[in-house]
Amino acid sequence: MPNFNYYHIEIKKSENTKEVVVKGEVINNTDKNYSTVAVRIILYMKNISVANVVFTINGLSAGATKPFEKTIEELDYAQVGKSISRYDVYTETAF
């Protein structure tokens, strides 16, 4: 599996809607270029999963850092955003 690290993860309210947005950066710690990286984000309130989504990041060059942003459409920030206590972010696949 490719070696990617995720940093500067923020969970906040969308600027244009009431939905939750996850922002961060991914670093490609390999010497290989990837055209597509599939990333899974799981958000939790205490130990209960409230969102589990997969999205793609395109064009991640060897040694590069790239920002990402994913809107979680099914979550209203006012209802659950401030109660998110932890998250998991990891690579599903890359090619």
N, C-alpha and C. Protein backbone atom coordinates (compact mmCIF):
# COMPACT_ATOMS: atom_id res chain seq x y z
N MET A 1 0.85 -1.19 0.00
CA MET A 1 0.00 0.00 0.00
C MET A 1 0.88 1.23 0.00
N PRO A 2 0.52 2.25 -0.77
CA PRO A 2 1.30 3.49 -0.82
C PRO A 2 1.39 4.16 0.55
N ASN A 3 2.43 4.94 0.73
CA ASN A 3 2.67 5.62 2.00
C ASN A 3 2.21 7.08 1.90
N PHE A 4 0.99 7.34 2.39
CA PHE A 4 0.43 8.68 2.42
C PHE A 4 0.18 9.07 3.87
N ASN A 5 0.44 10.33 4.19
CA ASN A 5 0.12 10.86 5.51
C ASN A 5 -0.87 12.00 5.36
N TYR A 6 -1.73 12.15 6.36
CA TYR A 6 -2.77 13.17 6.36
C TYR A 6 -2.53 14.12 7.53
N TYR A 7 -2.53 15.43 7.23
CA TYR A 7 -2.22 16.45 8.22
C TYR A 7 -3.23 17.59 8.16
N HIS A 8 -3.21 18.41 9.21
CA HIS A 8 -3.99 19.64 9.28
C HIS A 8 -5.48 19.39 9.01
N ILE A 9 -6.00 18.33 9.58
CA ILE A 9 -7.41 17.98 9.39
C ILE A 9 -8.27 18.95 10.20
N GLU A 10 -9.25 19.55 9.54
CA GLU A 10 -10.20 20.45 10.17
C GLU A 10 -11.61 20.00 9.83
N ILE A 11 -12.47 20.06 10.82
CA ILE A 11 -13.89 19.77 10.61
C ILE A 11 -14.63 21.06 10.92
N LYS A 12 -15.30 21.60 9.91
CA LYS A 12 -15.94 22.90 10.08
C LYS A 12 -17.24 22.97 9.28
N LYS A 13 -17.92 24.10 9.43
CA LYS A 13 -19.15 24.35 8.68
C LYS A 13 -18.80 24.87 7.30
N SER A 14 -19.53 24.41 6.30
CA SER A 14 -19.37 24.91 4.95
C SER A 14 -19.66 26.41 4.91
N GLU A 15 -18.92 27.15 4.09
CA GLU A 15 -19.15 28.59 3.99
C GLU A 15 -20.47 28.91 3.30
N ASN A 16 -20.93 28.04 2.40
CA ASN A 16 -22.11 28.34 1.60
C ASN A 16 -23.36 27.58 2.01
N THR A 17 -23.21 26.52 2.78
CA THR A 17 -24.35 25.71 3.18
C THR A 17 -24.26 25.40 4.67
N LYS A 18 -25.17 24.59 5.17
CA LYS A 18 -25.16 24.23 6.59
C LYS A 18 -24.46 22.90 6.84
N GLU A 19 -23.80 22.35 5.84
CA GLU A 19 -23.21 21.02 5.93
C GLU A 19 -21.81 21.05 6.55
N VAL A 20 -21.35 19.87 6.95
CA VAL A 20 -20.01 19.69 7.52
C VAL A 20 -19.00 19.56 6.37
N VAL A 21 -17.85 20.18 6.55
CA VAL A 21 -16.75 20.09 5.59
C VAL A 21 -15.51 19.58 6.32
N VAL A 22 -14.81 18.65 5.68
CA VAL A 22 -13.53 18.17 6.21
C VAL A 22 -12.44 18.66 5.26
N LYS A 23 -11.46 19.38 5.83
CA LYS A 23 -10.34 19.91 5.06
C LYS A 23 -9.05 19.34 5.63
N GLY A 24 -8.05 19.24 4.76
CA GLY A 24 -6.74 18.79 5.22
C GLY A 24 -5.75 18.76 4.10
N GLU A 25 -4.63 18.08 4.36
CA GLU A 25 -3.57 17.91 3.38
C GLU A 25 -3.14 16.46 3.37
N VAL A 26 -2.79 15.97 2.19
CA VAL A 26 -2.24 14.63 2.04
C VAL A 26 -0.84 14.77 1.47
N ILE A 27 0.08 13.97 2.01
CA ILE A 27 1.46 13.96 1.54
C ILE A 27 1.77 12.60 0.96
N ASN A 28 2.30 12.60 -0.27
CA ASN A 28 2.73 11.37 -0.93
C ASN A 28 4.19 11.14 -0.57
N ASN A 29 4.44 10.19 0.32
CA ASN A 29 5.79 9.89 0.79
C ASN A 29 6.49 8.84 -0.04
N THR A 30 6.08 8.68 -1.29
CA THR A 30 6.69 7.69 -2.16
C THR A 30 7.40 8.39 -3.32
N ASP A 31 8.07 7.59 -4.13
CA ASP A 31 8.72 8.13 -5.32
C ASP A 31 7.91 7.83 -6.59
N LYS A 32 6.61 7.59 -6.40
CA LYS A 32 5.72 7.26 -7.51
C LYS A 32 4.61 8.32 -7.62
N ASN A 33 4.28 8.68 -8.85
CA ASN A 33 3.15 9.58 -9.11
C ASN A 33 1.86 8.76 -9.16
N TYR A 34 0.80 9.31 -8.58
CA TYR A 34 -0.51 8.64 -8.60
C TYR A 34 -1.52 9.55 -9.28
N SER A 35 -2.28 8.98 -10.20
CA SER A 35 -3.31 9.78 -10.88
C SER A 35 -4.54 9.94 -10.00
N THR A 36 -4.86 8.92 -9.20
CA THR A 36 -6.05 8.98 -8.34
C THR A 36 -5.77 8.27 -7.01
N VAL A 37 -6.18 8.92 -5.93
CA VAL A 37 -6.09 8.34 -4.59
C VAL A 37 -7.49 8.36 -3.99
N ALA A 38 -7.98 7.20 -3.56
CA ALA A 38 -9.29 7.11 -2.90
C ALA A 38 -9.07 7.18 -1.39
N VAL A 39 -9.75 8.12 -0.75
CA VAL A 39 -9.57 8.39 0.68
C VAL A 39 -10.90 8.13 1.40
N ARG A 40 -10.83 7.46 2.54
CA ARG A 40 -12.02 7.24 3.37
C ARG A 40 -11.93 8.11 4.61
N ILE A 41 -13.05 8.78 4.92
CA ILE A 41 -13.17 9.58 6.14
C ILE A 41 -14.33 8.99 6.95
N ILE A 42 -14.07 8.72 8.22
CA ILE A 42 -15.12 8.28 9.14
C ILE A 42 -15.15 9.28 10.29
N LEU A 43 -16.33 9.85 10.55
CA LEU A 43 -16.52 10.81 11.64
C LEU A 43 -17.33 10.16 12.75
N TYR A 44 -16.96 10.45 13.99
CA TYR A 44 -17.59 9.83 15.15
C TYR A 44 -18.09 10.88 16.14
N MET A 45 -19.23 10.57 16.75
CA MET A 45 -19.71 11.25 17.95
C MET A 45 -19.56 10.21 19.05
N LYS A 46 -18.67 10.48 19.98
CA LYS A 46 -18.26 9.48 20.97
C LYS A 46 -17.75 8.27 20.21
N ASN A 47 -18.36 7.11 20.35
CA ASN A 47 -17.91 5.92 19.62
C ASN A 47 -18.88 5.51 18.52
N ILE A 48 -19.77 6.40 18.13
CA ILE A 48 -20.77 6.10 17.11
C ILE A 48 -20.37 6.79 15.81
N SER A 49 -20.30 6.01 14.75
CA SER A 49 -19.98 6.55 13.44
C SER A 49 -21.18 7.32 12.89
N VAL A 50 -20.97 8.59 12.53
CA VAL A 50 -22.06 9.40 11.98
C VAL A 50 -21.87 9.69 10.49
N ALA A 51 -20.69 9.41 9.96
CA ALA A 51 -20.44 9.57 8.53
C ALA A 51 -19.30 8.65 8.12
N ASN A 52 -19.44 8.07 6.94
CA ASN A 52 -18.43 7.17 6.39
C ASN A 52 -18.45 7.38 4.88
N VAL A 53 -17.49 8.17 4.37
CA VAL A 53 -17.50 8.53 2.96
C VAL A 53 -16.14 8.26 2.32
N VAL A 54 -16.18 8.00 1.03
CA VAL A 54 -14.97 7.83 0.23
C VAL A 54 -15.00 8.90 -0.86
N PHE A 55 -13.86 9.55 -1.07
CA PHE A 55 -13.74 10.53 -2.14
C PHE A 55 -12.37 10.37 -2.78
N THR A 56 -12.16 11.02 -3.91
CA THR A 56 -10.90 10.87 -4.63
C THR A 56 -10.14 12.19 -4.67
N ILE A 57 -8.83 12.04 -4.70
CA ILE A 57 -7.90 13.14 -4.91
C ILE A 57 -7.16 12.80 -6.19
N ASN A 58 -7.17 13.71 -7.14
CA ASN A 58 -6.54 13.44 -8.44
C ASN A 58 -5.18 14.12 -8.54
N GLY A 59 -4.25 13.42 -9.18
CA GLY A 59 -2.94 13.99 -9.49
C GLY A 59 -2.06 14.25 -8.30
N LEU A 60 -1.62 13.21 -7.62
CA LEU A 60 -0.74 13.35 -6.46
C LEU A 60 0.66 12.88 -6.86
N SER A 61 1.53 13.84 -7.10
CA SER A 61 2.89 13.54 -7.56
C SER A 61 3.77 13.01 -6.44
N ALA A 62 4.85 12.35 -6.82
CA ALA A 62 5.82 11.81 -5.87
C ALA A 62 6.35 12.93 -4.98
N GLY A 63 6.32 12.72 -3.67
CA GLY A 63 6.84 13.68 -2.72
C GLY A 63 6.01 14.94 -2.53
N ALA A 64 4.86 15.02 -3.17
CA ALA A 64 4.04 16.24 -3.14
C ALA A 64 3.07 16.27 -1.96
N THR A 65 2.69 17.47 -1.59
CA THR A 65 1.63 17.71 -0.62
C THR A 65 0.49 18.37 -1.36
N LYS A 66 -0.73 17.88 -1.12
CA LYS A 66 -1.89 18.43 -1.82
C LYS A 66 -3.03 18.65 -0.83
N PRO A 67 -3.68 19.82 -0.88
CA PRO A 67 -4.83 20.05 -0.01
C PRO A 67 -6.06 19.30 -0.54
N PHE A 68 -6.98 19.00 0.37
CA PHE A 68 -8.25 18.40 -0.03
C PHE A 68 -9.36 19.00 0.80
N GLU A 69 -10.56 18.90 0.27
CA GLU A 69 -11.76 19.36 0.96
C GLU A 69 -12.92 18.48 0.54
N LYS A 70 -13.66 17.97 1.51
CA LYS A 70 -14.81 17.11 1.22
C LYS A 70 -16.00 17.57 2.03
N THR A 71 -17.10 17.88 1.35
CA THR A 71 -18.35 18.22 2.02
C THR A 71 -19.08 16.94 2.35
N ILE A 72 -19.53 16.83 3.59
CA ILE A 72 -20.31 15.67 4.04
C ILE A 72 -21.78 16.09 3.98
N GLU A 73 -22.41 15.78 2.86
CA GLU A 73 -23.75 16.29 2.57
C GLU A 73 -24.81 15.85 3.59
N GLU A 74 -24.65 14.67 4.15
CA GLU A 74 -25.69 14.15 5.04
C GLU A 74 -25.62 14.70 6.47
N LEU A 75 -24.61 15.52 6.77
CA LEU A 75 -24.47 16.05 8.13
C LEU A 75 -24.71 17.55 8.18
N ASP A 76 -25.63 17.96 9.05
CA ASP A 76 -25.90 19.37 9.32
C ASP A 76 -24.97 19.79 10.45
N TYR A 77 -24.13 20.81 10.20
CA TYR A 77 -23.14 21.21 11.18
C TYR A 77 -23.77 21.64 12.50
N ALA A 78 -24.89 22.35 12.45
CA ALA A 78 -25.55 22.82 13.67
C ALA A 78 -26.01 21.66 14.55
N GLN A 79 -26.37 20.53 13.93
CA GLN A 79 -26.87 19.39 14.69
C GLN A 79 -25.76 18.50 15.23
N VAL A 80 -24.71 18.25 14.44
CA VAL A 80 -23.69 17.29 14.87
C VAL A 80 -22.25 17.79 14.79
N GLY A 81 -22.02 18.86 14.06
CA GLY A 81 -20.65 19.30 13.80
C GLY A 81 -19.81 19.52 15.03
N LYS A 82 -20.35 20.19 16.02
CA LYS A 82 -19.60 20.48 17.23
C LYS A 82 -19.47 19.26 18.15
N SER A 83 -20.25 18.22 17.90
CA SER A 83 -20.21 17.02 18.73
C SER A 83 -19.29 15.94 18.17
N ILE A 84 -18.69 16.18 17.01
CA ILE A 84 -17.77 15.18 16.45
C ILE A 84 -16.54 15.12 17.33
N SER A 85 -16.30 13.96 17.90
CA SER A 85 -15.22 13.82 18.89
C SER A 85 -13.94 13.22 18.31
N ARG A 86 -14.05 12.52 17.19
CA ARG A 86 -12.85 11.96 16.57
C ARG A 86 -13.15 11.60 15.13
N TYR A 87 -12.08 11.28 14.41
CA TYR A 87 -12.21 10.93 13.00
C TYR A 87 -11.10 9.97 12.62
N ASP A 88 -11.33 9.23 11.55
CA ASP A 88 -10.31 8.40 10.91
C ASP A 88 -10.22 8.86 9.46
N VAL A 89 -9.00 9.04 8.97
CA VAL A 89 -8.76 9.37 7.57
C VAL A 89 -7.68 8.43 7.09
N TYR A 90 -7.97 7.67 6.03
CA TYR A 90 -6.96 6.76 5.51
C TYR A 90 -7.19 6.46 4.04
N THR A 91 -6.14 5.94 3.42
CA THR A 91 -6.17 5.63 2.00
C THR A 91 -6.83 4.29 1.76
N GLU A 92 -7.82 4.29 0.86
CA GLU A 92 -8.46 3.04 0.43
C GLU A 92 -7.62 2.37 -0.66
N THR A 93 -7.27 3.15 -1.68
CA THR A 93 -6.47 2.63 -2.79
C THR A 93 -5.86 3.79 -3.55
N ALA A 94 -4.87 3.49 -4.38
CA ALA A 94 -4.24 4.52 -5.20
C ALA A 94 -3.74 3.87 -6.49
N PHE A 95 -3.85 4.61 -7.56
CA PHE A 95 -3.36 4.10 -8.83
C PHE A 95 -2.94 5.24 -9.74
